[in-house]
């Protein structure tokens, strides 16, 4: 979902640069509608997983999701409290749009690091 939102955001930026002031805003409006649909799809996906305590929070940089931080509630898949805290860490690569280079972005430090 965040890859899709990143791509749409970059396309929207491109359209805005190319249009300039006073030009037809139809393309921009259509792209904004696509972004809105993508955000609604993301929200619907979050609604499915939130009751199980799984939450994904994006780290944003210049309007681009560059990292996702997942948190898990203290319940199991059946909604019952866990007897021990559940701790997990992993990495999921989220490709950046081709027009964005990673070395152009400044990333926030990970929690617990300096």
PDB file of N, CA and C in Angstrom:
ATOM      1  N   UNK A   1       0.814  -1.188   0.000  1.00  0.00           N
ATOM      2  CA  UNK A   1       0.000   0.000   0.000  1.00  0.00           C
ATOM      3  C   UNK A   1       0.867   1.265   0.000  1.00  0.00           C
ATOM      4  N   UNK A   2       1.906   1.259   0.826  1.00  0.00           N
ATOM      5  CA  UNK A   2       2.729   2.467   0.899  1.00  0.00           C
ATOM      6  C   UNK A   2       3.531   2.669  -0.383  1.00  0.00           C
ATOM      7  N   UNK A   3       3.930   1.592  -1.009  1.00  0.00           N
ATOM      8  CA  UNK A   3       4.607   1.728  -2.313  1.00  0.00           C
ATOM      9  C   UNK A   3       3.646   2.390  -3.303  1.00  0.00           C
ATOM     10  N   UNK A   4       2.412   1.928  -3.338  1.00  0.00           N
ATOM     11  CA  UNK A   4       1.405   2.505  -4.239  1.00  0.00           C
ATOM     12  C   UNK A   4       1.187   3.991  -3.927  1.00  0.00           C
ATOM     13  N   UNK A   5       1.068   4.323  -2.655  1.00  0.00           N
ATOM     14  CA  UNK A   5       0.882   5.722  -2.266  1.00  0.00           C
ATOM     15  C   UNK A   5       2.107   6.544  -2.647  1.00  0.00           C
ATOM     16  N   UNK A   6       3.305   5.992  -2.447  1.00  0.00           N
ATOM     17  CA  UNK A   6       4.534   6.702  -2.853  1.00  0.00           C
ATOM     18  C   UNK A   6       4.525   6.998  -4.351  1.00  0.00           C
ATOM     19  N   UNK A   7       4.182   5.994  -5.145  1.00  0.00           N
ATOM     20  CA  UNK A   7       4.159   6.183  -6.601  1.00  0.00           C
ATOM     21  C   UNK A   7       3.149   7.257  -7.002  1.00  0.00           C
ATOM     22  N   UNK A   8       1.959   7.216  -6.446  1.00  0.00           N
ATOM     23  CA  UNK A   8       0.928   8.206  -6.773  1.00  0.00           C
ATOM     24  C   UNK A   8       1.354   9.601  -6.333  1.00  0.00           C
ATOM     25  N   UNK A   9       1.994   9.699  -5.182  1.00  0.00           N
ATOM     26  CA  UNK A   9       2.462  10.989  -4.689  1.00  0.00           C
ATOM     27  C   UNK A   9       3.502  11.593  -5.635  1.00  0.00           C
ATOM     28  N   UNK A  10       4.409  10.745  -6.116  1.00  0.00           N
ATOM     29  CA  UNK A  10       5.429  11.228  -7.057  1.00  0.00           C
ATOM     30  C   UNK A  10       4.799  11.655  -8.379  1.00  0.00           C
ATOM     31  N   UNK A  11       3.808  10.912  -8.841  1.00  0.00           N
ATOM     32  CA  UNK A  11       3.122  11.261 -10.081  1.00  0.00           C
ATOM     33  C   UNK A  11       2.367  12.582  -9.904  1.00  0.00           C
ATOM     34  N   UNK A  12       1.745  12.774  -8.761  1.00  0.00           N
ATOM     35  CA  UNK A  12       1.055  14.027  -8.475  1.00  0.00           C
ATOM     36  C   UNK A  12       2.030  15.195  -8.481  1.00  0.00           C
ATOM     37  N   UNK A  13       3.197  15.013  -7.885  1.00  0.00           N
ATOM     38  CA  UNK A  13       4.226  16.061  -7.889  1.00  0.00           C
ATOM     39  C   UNK A  13       4.666  16.387  -9.312  1.00  0.00           C
ATOM     40  N   UNK A  14       4.843  15.356 -10.125  1.00  0.00           N
ATOM     41  CA  UNK A  14       5.245  15.567 -11.517  1.00  0.00           C
ATOM     42  C   UNK A  14       4.190  16.376 -12.270  1.00  0.00           C
ATOM     43  N   UNK A  15       2.928  16.008 -12.097  1.00  0.00           N
ATOM     44  CA  UNK A  15       1.836  16.718 -12.769  1.00  0.00           C
ATOM     45  C   UNK A  15       1.818  18.179 -12.337  1.00  0.00           C
ATOM     46  N   UNK A  16       1.973  18.422 -11.060  1.00  0.00           N
ATOM     47  CA  UNK A  16       1.957  19.803 -10.563  1.00  0.00           C
ATOM     48  C   UNK A  16       3.116  20.617 -11.121  1.00  0.00           C
ATOM     49  N   UNK A  17       4.287  20.004 -11.239  1.00  0.00           N
ATOM     50  CA  UNK A  17       5.446  20.720 -11.820  1.00  0.00           C
ATOM     51  C   UNK A  17       5.194  21.067 -13.280  1.00  0.00           C
ATOM     52  N   UNK A  18       4.636  20.105 -14.019  1.00  0.00           N
ATOM     53  CA  UNK A  18       4.428  20.307 -15.455  1.00  0.00           C
ATOM     54  C   UNK A  18       3.294  21.268 -15.765  1.00  0.00           C
ATOM     55  N   UNK A  19       2.289  21.305 -14.912  1.00  0.00           N
ATOM     56  CA  UNK A  19       1.134  22.152 -15.193  1.00  0.00           C
ATOM     57  C   UNK A  19       1.457  23.630 -15.055  1.00  0.00           C
ATOM     58  N   UNK A  20       2.183  23.986 -14.030  1.00  0.00           N
ATOM     59  CA  UNK A  20       2.440  25.400 -13.804  1.00  0.00           C
ATOM     60  C   UNK A  20       1.157  26.117 -13.411  1.00  0.00           C
ATOM     61  N   UNK A  21       1.249  27.396 -13.242  1.00  0.00           N
ATOM     62  CA  UNK A  21       0.095  28.191 -12.804  1.00  0.00           C
ATOM     63  C   UNK A  21      -0.871  28.426 -13.965  1.00  0.00           C
ATOM     64  N   UNK A  22      -2.149  28.342 -13.653  1.00  0.00           N
ATOM     65  CA  UNK A  22      -3.179  28.711 -14.611  1.00  0.00           C
ATOM     66  C   UNK A  22      -3.535  27.681 -15.663  1.00  0.00           C
ATOM     67  N   UNK A  23      -2.945  26.495 -15.623  1.00  0.00           N
ATOM     68  CA  UNK A  23      -3.280  25.477 -16.617  1.00  0.00           C
ATOM     69  C   UNK A  23      -4.429  24.611 -16.120  1.00  0.00           C
ATOM     70  N   UNK A  24      -4.958  23.772 -16.996  1.00  0.00           N
ATOM     71  CA  UNK A  24      -6.065  22.869 -16.671  1.00  0.00           C
ATOM     72  C   UNK A  24      -5.679  21.966 -15.495  1.00  0.00           C
ATOM     73  N   UNK A  25      -6.510  21.934 -14.487  1.00  0.00           N
ATOM     74  CA  UNK A  25      -6.220  21.158 -13.282  1.00  0.00           C
ATOM     75  C   UNK A  25      -6.885  19.780 -13.293  1.00  0.00           C
ATOM     76  N   UNK A  26      -7.412  19.362 -14.422  1.00  0.00           N
ATOM     77  CA  UNK A  26      -8.121  18.085 -14.515  1.00  0.00           C
ATOM     78  C   UNK A  26      -7.225  16.915 -14.126  1.00  0.00           C
ATOM     79  N   UNK A  27      -5.996  16.882 -14.662  1.00  0.00           N
ATOM     80  CA  UNK A  27      -5.084  15.778 -14.332  1.00  0.00           C
ATOM     81  C   UNK A  27      -4.764  15.755 -12.842  1.00  0.00           C
ATOM     82  N   UNK A  28      -4.547  16.924 -12.271  1.00  0.00           N
ATOM     83  CA  UNK A  28      -4.251  16.995 -10.847  1.00  0.00           C
ATOM     84  C   UNK A  28      -5.429  16.464 -10.027  1.00  0.00           C
ATOM     85  N   UNK A  29      -6.635  16.859 -10.385  1.00  0.00           N
ATOM     86  CA  UNK A  29      -7.827  16.408  -9.677  1.00  0.00           C
ATOM     87  C   UNK A  29      -7.962  14.885  -9.779  1.00  0.00           C
ATOM     88  N   UNK A  30      -7.745  14.335 -10.977  1.00  0.00           N
ATOM     89  CA  UNK A  30      -7.831  12.884 -11.158  1.00  0.00           C
ATOM     90  C   UNK A  30      -6.789  12.155 -10.314  1.00  0.00           C
ATOM     91  N   UNK A  31      -5.570  12.706 -10.256  1.00  0.00           N
ATOM     92  CA  UNK A  31      -4.518  12.074  -9.467  1.00  0.00           C
ATOM     93  C   UNK A  31      -4.834  12.176  -7.973  1.00  0.00           C
ATOM     94  N   UNK A  32      -5.389  13.306  -7.547  1.00  0.00           N
ATOM     95  CA  UNK A  32      -5.790  13.436  -6.146  1.00  0.00           C
ATOM     96  C   UNK A  32      -6.853  12.410  -5.780  1.00  0.00           C
ATOM     97  N   UNK A  33      -7.756  12.126  -6.708  1.00  0.00           N
ATOM     98  CA  UNK A  33      -8.779  11.101  -6.462  1.00  0.00           C
ATOM     99  C   UNK A  33      -8.139   9.718  -6.340  1.00  0.00           C
ATOM    100  N   UNK A  34      -7.132   9.448  -7.160  1.00  0.00           N
ATOM    101  CA  UNK A  34      -6.427   8.158  -7.055  1.00  0.00           C
ATOM    102  C   UNK A  34      -5.710   8.037  -5.715  1.00  0.00           C
ATOM    103  N   UNK A  35      -5.081   9.145  -5.281  1.00  0.00           N
ATOM    104  CA  UNK A  35      -4.411   9.142  -3.977  1.00  0.00           C
ATOM    105  C   UNK A  35      -5.437   8.874  -2.876  1.00  0.00           C
ATOM    106  N   UNK A  36      -6.584   9.529  -2.963  1.00  0.00           N
ATOM    107  CA  UNK A  36      -7.632   9.328  -1.963  1.00  0.00           C
ATOM    108  C   UNK A  36      -8.092   7.865  -1.936  1.00  0.00           C
ATOM    109  N   UNK A  37      -8.263   7.245  -3.098  1.00  0.00           N
ATOM    110  CA  UNK A  37      -8.648   5.828  -3.149  1.00  0.00           C
ATOM    111  C   UNK A  37      -7.573   4.955  -2.504  1.00  0.00           C
ATOM    112  N   UNK A  38      -6.309   5.258  -2.787  1.00  0.00           N
ATOM    113  CA  UNK A  38      -5.208   4.476  -2.199  1.00  0.00           C
ATOM    114  C   UNK A  38      -5.199   4.629  -0.683  1.00  0.00           C
ATOM    115  N   UNK A  39      -5.459   5.843  -0.194  1.00  0.00           N
ATOM    116  CA  UNK A  39      -5.495   6.064   1.256  1.00  0.00           C
ATOM    117  C   UNK A  39      -6.671   5.325   1.893  1.00  0.00           C
ATOM    118  N   UNK A  40      -7.799   5.301   1.208  1.00  0.00           N
ATOM    119  CA  UNK A  40      -8.951   4.547   1.720  1.00  0.00           C
ATOM    120  C   UNK A  40      -8.652   3.047   1.750  1.00  0.00           C
ATOM    121  N   UNK A  41      -7.989   2.540   0.705  1.00  0.00           N
ATOM    122  CA  UNK A  41      -7.609   1.124   0.676  1.00  0.00           C
ATOM    123  C   UNK A  41      -6.658   0.802   1.831  1.00  0.00           C
ATOM    124  N   UNK A  42      -5.704   1.713   2.073  1.00  0.00           N
ATOM    125  CA  UNK A  42      -4.768   1.518   3.185  1.00  0.00           C
ATOM    126  C   UNK A  42      -5.526   1.487   4.507  1.00  0.00           C
ATOM    127  N   UNK A  43      -6.462   2.438   4.681  1.00  0.00           N
ATOM    128  CA  UNK A  43      -7.242   2.483   5.917  1.00  0.00           C
ATOM    129  C   UNK A  43      -8.068   1.209   6.102  1.00  0.00           C
ATOM    130  N   UNK A  44      -8.638   0.696   5.016  1.00  0.00           N
ATOM    131  CA  UNK A  44      -9.425  -0.536   5.095  1.00  0.00           C
ATOM    132  C   UNK A  44      -8.539  -1.709   5.513  1.00  0.00           C
ATOM    133  N   UNK A  45      -7.314  -1.768   4.976  1.00  0.00           N
ATOM    134  CA  UNK A  45      -6.387  -2.829   5.347  1.00  0.00           C
ATOM    135  C   UNK A  45      -6.013  -2.702   6.822  1.00  0.00           C
ATOM    136  N   UNK A  46      -5.779  -1.472   7.274  1.00  0.00           N
ATOM    137  CA  UNK A  46      -5.460  -1.270   8.683  1.00  0.00           C
ATOM    138  C   UNK A  46      -6.620  -1.695   9.575  1.00  0.00           C
ATOM    139  N   UNK A  47      -7.848  -1.419   9.135  1.00  0.00           N
ATOM    140  CA  UNK A  47      -9.025  -1.795   9.919  1.00  0.00           C
ATOM    141  C   UNK A  47      -9.125  -3.308  10.098  1.00  0.00           C
ATOM    142  N   UNK A  48      -8.660  -4.068   9.100  1.00  0.00           N
ATOM    143  CA  UNK A  48      -8.679  -5.524   9.199  1.00  0.00           C
ATOM    144  C   UNK A  48      -7.701  -6.007  10.263  1.00  0.00           C
ATOM    145  N   UNK A  49      -6.515  -5.395  10.322  1.00  0.00           N
ATOM    146  CA  UNK A  49      -5.454  -5.888  11.203  1.00  0.00           C
ATOM    147  C   UNK A  49      -5.428  -5.238  12.578  1.00  0.00           C
ATOM    148  N   UNK A  50      -5.980  -4.037  12.717  1.00  0.00           N
ATOM    149  CA  UNK A  50      -5.940  -3.328  13.999  1.00  0.00           C
ATOM    150  C   UNK A  50      -6.599  -4.092  15.144  1.00  0.00           C
ATOM    151  N   UNK A  51      -7.733  -4.776  14.922  1.00  0.00           N
ATOM    152  CA  UNK A  51      -8.328  -5.515  16.050  1.00  0.00           C
ATOM    153  C   UNK A  51      -7.416  -6.592  16.621  1.00  0.00           C
ATOM    154  N   UNK A  52      -6.446  -7.046  15.849  1.00  0.00           N
ATOM    155  CA  UNK A  52      -5.490  -8.050  16.326  1.00  0.00           C
ATOM    156  C   UNK A  52      -4.271  -7.397  16.957  1.00  0.00           C
ATOM    157  N   UNK A  53      -4.253  -6.058  16.992  1.00  0.00           N
ATOM    158  CA  UNK A  53      -3.158  -5.341  17.628  1.00  0.00           C
ATOM    159  C   UNK A  53      -1.986  -5.062  16.722  1.00  0.00           C
ATOM    160  N   UNK A  54      -2.119  -5.271  15.422  1.00  0.00           N
ATOM    161  CA  UNK A  54      -1.026  -5.021  14.493  1.00  0.00           C
ATOM    162  C   UNK A  54      -1.210  -3.645  13.878  1.00  0.00           C
ATOM    163  N   UNK A  55      -0.239  -2.785  14.093  1.00  0.00           N
ATOM    164  CA  UNK A  55      -0.309  -1.416  13.584  1.00  0.00           C
ATOM    165  C   UNK A  55       0.981  -1.099  12.843  1.00  0.00           C
ATOM    166  N   UNK A  56       0.853  -0.555  11.633  1.00  0.00           N
ATOM    167  CA  UNK A  56       2.014  -0.129  10.842  1.00  0.00           C
ATOM    168  C   UNK A  56       2.027   1.394  10.811  1.00  0.00           C
ATOM    169  N   UNK A  57       3.137   1.983  11.234  1.00  0.00           N
ATOM    170  CA  UNK A  57       3.273   3.434  11.209  1.00  0.00           C
ATOM    171  C   UNK A  57       4.409   3.787  10.260  1.00  0.00           C
ATOM    172  N   UNK A  58       4.117   4.580   9.217  1.00  0.00           N
ATOM    173  CA  UNK A  58       5.175   4.938   8.283  1.00  0.00           C
ATOM    174  C   UNK A  58       6.044   6.072   8.813  1.00  0.00           C
ATOM    175  N   UNK A  59       7.332   5.994   8.522  1.00  0.00           N
ATOM    176  CA  UNK A  59       8.240   7.118   8.738  1.00  0.00           C
ATOM    177  C   UNK A  59       8.280   7.863   7.408  1.00  0.00           C
ATOM    178  N   UNK A  60       7.906   9.124   7.434  1.00  0.00           N
ATOM    179  CA  UNK A  60       7.791   9.906   6.207  1.00  0.00           C
ATOM    180  C   UNK A  60       8.971  10.857   6.051  1.00  0.00           C
ATOM    181  N   UNK A  61       9.355  11.080   4.807  1.00  0.00           N
ATOM    182  CA  UNK A  61      10.388  12.053   4.474  1.00  0.00           C
ATOM    183  C   UNK A  61       9.993  12.711   3.170  1.00  0.00           C
ATOM    184  N   UNK A  62       9.714  13.986   3.224  1.00  0.00           N
ATOM    185  CA  UNK A  62       9.318  14.756   2.044  1.00  0.00           C
ATOM    186  C   UNK A  62       8.113  14.126   1.339  1.00  0.00           C
ATOM    187  N   UNK A  63       7.156  13.651   2.130  1.00  0.00           N
ATOM    188  CA  UNK A  63       5.938  13.080   1.569  1.00  0.00           C
ATOM    189  C   UNK A  63       6.055  11.652   1.084  1.00  0.00           C
ATOM    190  N   UNK A  64       7.189  10.992   1.327  1.00  0.00           N
ATOM    191  CA  UNK A  64       7.432   9.620   0.889  1.00  0.00           C
ATOM    192  C   UNK A  64       7.591   8.735   2.122  1.00  0.00           C
ATOM    193  N   UNK A  65       6.907   7.595   2.136  1.00  0.00           N
ATOM    194  CA  UNK A  65       7.091   6.615   3.216  1.00  0.00           C
ATOM    195  C   UNK A  65       8.421   5.907   2.976  1.00  0.00           C
ATOM    196  N   UNK A  66       9.367   6.107   3.905  1.00  0.00           N
ATOM    197  CA  UNK A  66      10.697   5.520   3.733  1.00  0.00           C
ATOM    198  C   UNK A  66      10.952   4.358   4.681  1.00  0.00           C
ATOM    199  N   UNK A  67      10.050   4.180   5.640  1.00  0.00           N
ATOM    200  CA  UNK A  67      10.211   3.089   6.593  1.00  0.00           C
ATOM    201  C   UNK A  67       8.844   2.797   7.193  1.00  0.00           C
ATOM    202  N   UNK A  68       8.619   1.554   7.569  1.00  0.00           N
ATOM    203  CA  UNK A  68       7.396   1.171   8.269  1.00  0.00           C
ATOM    204  C   UNK A  68       7.788   0.559   9.600  1.00  0.00           C
ATOM    205  N   UNK A  69       7.143   1.034  10.649  1.00  0.00           N
ATOM    206  CA  UNK A  69       7.386   0.488  11.977  1.00  0.00           C
ATOM    207  C   UNK A  69       6.109  -0.216  12.410  1.00  0.00           C
ATOM    208  N   UNK A  70       6.232  -1.513  12.680  1.00  0.00           N
ATOM    209  CA  UNK A  70       5.082  -2.313  13.086  1.00  0.00           C
ATOM    210  C   UNK A  70       5.090  -2.463  14.597  1.00  0.00           C
ATOM    211  N   UNK A  71       3.917  -2.342  15.183  1.00  0.00           N
ATOM    212  CA  UNK A  71       3.759  -2.641  16.598  1.00  0.00           C
ATOM    213  C   UNK A  71       2.668  -3.704  16.715  1.00  0.00           C
ATOM    214  N   UNK A  72       2.823  -4.536  17.720  1.00  0.00           N
ATOM    215  CA  UNK A  72       1.892  -5.626  17.937  1.00  0.00           C
ATOM    216  C   UNK A  72       1.335  -5.517  19.345  1.00  0.00           C
ATOM    217  N   UNK A  73       0.043  -5.639  19.467  1.00  0.00           N
ATOM    218  CA  UNK A  73      -0.605  -5.571  20.770  1.00  0.00           C
ATOM    219  C   UNK A  73      -0.289  -6.789  21.611  1.00  0.00           C
ATOM    220  N   UNK A  74      -0.718  -6.746  22.844  1.00  0.00           N
ATOM    221  CA  UNK A  74      -0.439  -7.833  23.770  1.00  0.00           C
ATOM    222  C   UNK A  74      -1.568  -8.865  23.763  1.00  0.00           C
ATOM    223  N   UNK A  75      -2.045  -9.219  22.546  1.00  0.00           N
ATOM    224  CA  UNK A  75      -3.059 -10.269  22.410  1.00  0.00           C
ATOM    225  C   UNK A  75      -2.623 -11.222  21.314  1.00  0.00           C
ATOM    226  N   UNK A  76      -3.087 -12.454  21.411  1.00  0.00           N
ATOM    227  CA  UNK A  76      -2.755 -13.421  20.364  1.00  0.00           C
ATOM    228  C   UNK A  76      -3.767 -13.315  19.225  1.00  0.00           C
ATOM    229  N   UNK A  77      -3.655 -14.181  18.243  1.00  0.00           N
ATOM    230  CA  UNK A  77      -4.530 -14.132  17.067  1.00  0.00           C
ATOM    231  C   UNK A  77      -5.988 -14.381  17.416  1.00  0.00           C
ATOM    232  N   UNK A  78      -6.250 -14.964  18.580  1.00  0.00           N
ATOM    233  CA  UNK A  78      -7.624 -15.229  19.011  1.00  0.00           C
ATOM    234  C   UNK A  78      -8.175 -14.110  19.896  1.00  0.00           C
ATOM    235  N   UNK A  79      -7.380 -13.051  20.105  1.00  0.00           N
ATOM    236  CA  UNK A  79      -7.828 -11.932  20.915  1.00  0.00           C
ATOM    237  C   UNK A  79      -7.639 -12.132  22.410  1.00  0.00           C
ATOM    238  N   UNK A  80      -6.925 -13.188  22.792  1.00  0.00           N
ATOM    239  CA  UNK A  80      -6.682 -13.456  24.210  1.00  0.00           C
ATOM    240  C   UNK A  80      -5.352 -12.814  24.636  1.00  0.00           C
ATOM    241  N   UNK A  81      -5.306 -12.273  25.854  1.00  0.00           N
ATOM    242  CA  UNK A  81      -4.044 -11.665  26.318  1.00  0.00           C
ATOM    243  C   UNK A  81      -2.906 -12.685  26.318  1.00  0.00           C
ATOM    244  N   UNK A  82      -1.732 -12.244  25.961  1.00  0.00           N
ATOM    245  CA  UNK A  82      -0.547 -13.115  25.986  1.00  0.00           C
ATOM    246  C   UNK A  82      -0.025 -13.212  27.422  1.00  0.00           C
ATOM    247  N   UNK A  83       0.547 -14.350  27.735  1.00  0.00           N
ATOM    248  CA  UNK A  83       1.130 -14.497  29.063  1.00  0.00           C
ATOM    249  C   UNK A  83       2.495 -13.818  29.129  1.00  0.00           C
ATOM    250  N   UNK A  84       3.172 -13.747  27.999  1.00  0.00           N
ATOM    251  CA  UNK A  84       4.476 -13.083  27.914  1.00  0.00           C
ATOM    252  C   UNK A  84       4.415 -12.032  26.809  1.00  0.00           C
ATOM    253  N   UNK A  85       5.160 -10.935  26.959  1.00  0.00           N
ATOM    254  CA  UNK A  85       5.173  -9.932  25.876  1.00  0.00           C
ATOM    255  C   UNK A  85       5.683 -10.551  24.578  1.00  0.00           C
ATOM    256  N   UNK A  86       5.110 -10.131  23.477  1.00  0.00           N
ATOM    257  CA  UNK A  86       5.497 -10.621  22.150  1.00  0.00           C
ATOM    258  C   UNK A  86       6.373  -9.557  21.500  1.00  0.00           C
ATOM    259  N   UNK A  87       7.619  -9.888  21.262  1.00  0.00           N
ATOM    260  CA  UNK A  87       8.557  -8.936  20.676  1.00  0.00           C
ATOM    261  C   UNK A  87       9.096  -9.532  19.388  1.00  0.00           C
ATOM    262  N   UNK A  88       9.054  -8.754  18.327  1.00  0.00           N
ATOM    263  CA  UNK A  88       9.547  -9.217  17.032  1.00  0.00           C
ATOM    264  C   UNK A  88      10.082  -8.027  16.257  1.00  0.00           C
ATOM    265  N   UNK A  89      11.101  -8.250  15.457  1.00  0.00           N
ATOM    266  CA  UNK A  89      11.631  -7.194  14.608  1.00  0.00           C
ATOM    267  C   UNK A  89      11.967  -7.788  13.249  1.00  0.00           C
ATOM    268  N   UNK A  90      11.728  -7.035  12.229  1.00  0.00           N
ATOM    269  CA  UNK A  90      12.030  -7.496  10.886  1.00  0.00           C
ATOM    270  C   UNK A  90      12.204  -6.312   9.956  1.00  0.00           C
ATOM    271  N   UNK A  91      12.597  -6.598   8.749  1.00  0.00           N
ATOM    272  CA  UNK A  91      12.802  -5.557   7.750  1.00  0.00           C
ATOM    273  C   UNK A  91      11.997  -5.905   6.516  1.00  0.00           C
ATOM    274  N   UNK A  92      11.274  -4.919   6.021  1.00  0.00           N
ATOM    275  CA  UNK A  92      10.535  -5.066   4.776  1.00  0.00           C
ATOM    276  C   UNK A  92      10.973  -3.922   3.869  1.00  0.00           C
ATOM    277  N   UNK A  93      11.505  -4.248   2.716  1.00  0.00           N
ATOM    278  CA  UNK A  93      11.921  -3.218   1.774  1.00  0.00           C
ATOM    279  C   UNK A  93      10.706  -2.634   1.073  1.00  0.00           C
ATOM    280  N   UNK A  94      10.625  -1.305   1.050  1.00  0.00           N
ATOM    281  CA  UNK A  94       9.581  -0.601   0.321  1.00  0.00           C
ATOM    282  C   UNK A  94      10.289   0.155  -0.795  1.00  0.00           C
ATOM    283  N   UNK A  95      10.150  -0.294  -2.044  1.00  0.00           N
ATOM    284  CA  UNK A  95      10.855   0.370  -3.143  1.00  0.00           C
ATOM    285  C   UNK A  95      10.418   1.829  -3.273  1.00  0.00           C
ATOM    286  N   UNK A  96      11.391   2.679  -3.536  1.00  0.00           N
ATOM    287  CA  UNK A  96      11.093   4.083  -3.791  1.00  0.00           C
ATOM    288  C   UNK A  96      10.766   4.258  -5.265  1.00  0.00           C
ATOM    289  N   UNK A  97       9.967   5.270  -5.583  1.00  0.00           N
ATOM    290  CA  UNK A  97       9.731   5.567  -7.004  1.00  0.00           C
ATOM    291  C   UNK A  97      11.059   5.833  -7.704  1.00  0.00           C
ATOM    292  N   UNK A  98      11.139   5.544  -8.980  1.00  0.00           N
ATOM    293  CA  UNK A  98      12.397   5.664  -9.714  1.00  0.00           C
ATOM    294  C   UNK A  98      12.954   7.085  -9.716  1.00  0.00           C
ATOM    295  N   UNK A  99      12.105   8.082  -9.505  1.00  0.00           N
ATOM    296  CA  UNK A  99      12.578   9.465  -9.524  1.00  0.00           C
ATOM    297  C   UNK A  99      13.202   9.902  -8.199  1.00  0.00           C
ATOM    298  N   UNK A 100      13.160   9.037  -7.181  1.00  0.00           N
ATOM    299  CA  UNK A 100      13.698   9.381  -5.868  1.00  0.00           C
ATOM    300  C   UNK A 100      14.919   8.516  -5.594  1.00  0.00           C
ATOM    301  N   UNK A 101      16.011   9.169  -5.211  1.00  0.00           N
ATOM    302  CA  UNK A 101      17.225   8.437  -4.838  1.00  0.00           C
ATOM    303  C   UNK A 101      17.346   8.446  -3.326  1.00  0.00           C
ATOM    304  N   UNK A 102      17.699   7.312  -2.766  1.00  0.00           N
ATOM    305  CA  UNK A 102      17.775   7.189  -1.306  1.00  0.00           C
ATOM    306  C   UNK A 102      18.778   8.176  -0.718  1.00  0.00           C
ATOM    307  N   UNK A 103      19.875   8.438  -1.406  1.00  0.00           N
ATOM    308  CA  UNK A 103      20.879   9.359  -0.863  1.00  0.00           C
ATOM    309  C   UNK A 103      20.380  10.806  -0.818  1.00  0.00           C
ATOM    310  N   UNK A 104      19.233  11.075  -1.431  1.00  0.00           N
ATOM    311  CA  UNK A 104      18.638  12.407  -1.362  1.00  0.00           C
ATOM    312  C   UNK A 104      17.761  12.569  -0.121  1.00  0.00           C
ATOM    313  N   UNK A 105      17.496  11.487   0.590  1.00  0.00           N
ATOM    314  CA  UNK A 105      16.610  11.515   1.741  1.00  0.00           C
ATOM    315  C   UNK A 105      17.404  11.482   3.030  1.00  0.00           C
ATOM    316  N   UNK A 106      16.885  12.143   4.045  1.00  0.00           N
ATOM    317  CA  UNK A 106      17.459  12.102   5.378  1.00  0.00           C
ATOM    318  C   UNK A 106      16.519  11.267   6.235  1.00  0.00           C
ATOM    319  N   UNK A 107      17.024  10.156   6.733  1.00  0.00           N
ATOM    320  CA  UNK A 107      16.176   9.244   7.494  1.00  0.00           C
ATOM    321  C   UNK A 107      16.314   9.524   8.986  1.00  0.00           C
ATOM    322  N   UNK A 108      15.213   9.402   9.701  1.00  0.00           N
ATOM    323  CA  UNK A 108      15.220   9.560  11.154  1.00  0.00           C
ATOM    324  C   UNK A 108      15.908   8.348  11.766  1.00  0.00           C
ATOM    325  N   UNK A 109      16.631   8.556  12.866  1.00  0.00           N
ATOM    326  CA  UNK A 109      17.269   7.396  13.511  1.00  0.00           C
ATOM    327  C   UNK A 109      16.225   6.451  14.055  1.00  0.00           C
ATOM    328  N   UNK A 110      16.557   5.178  14.073  1.00  0.00           N
ATOM    329  CA  UNK A 110      15.650   4.175  14.632  1.00  0.00           C
ATOM    330  C   UNK A 110      15.545   4.384  16.131  1.00  0.00           C
ATOM    331  N   UNK A 111      14.385   4.119  16.704  1.00  0.00           N
ATOM    332  CA  UNK A 111      14.233   4.250  18.153  1.00  0.00           C
ATOM    333  C   UNK A 111      15.260   3.380  18.873  1.00  0.00           C
ATOM    334  N   UNK A 112      15.840   3.929  19.926  1.00  0.00           N
ATOM    335  CA  UNK A 112      16.824   3.178  20.708  1.00  0.00           C
ATOM    336  C   UNK A 112      18.237   3.255  20.181  1.00  0.00           C
ATOM    337  N   UNK A 113      18.451   4.007  19.055  1.00  0.00           N
ATOM    338  CA  UNK A 113      19.806   4.176  18.529  1.00  0.00           C
ATOM    339  C   UNK A 113      20.186   5.643  18.623  1.00  0.00           C
ATOM    340  N   UNK A 114      21.445   5.908  18.478  1.00  0.00           N
ATOM    341  CA  UNK A 114      21.893   7.315  18.536  1.00  0.00           C
ATOM    342  C   UNK A 114      22.391   7.760  17.197  1.00  0.00           C
TER     343      UNK A 114
END
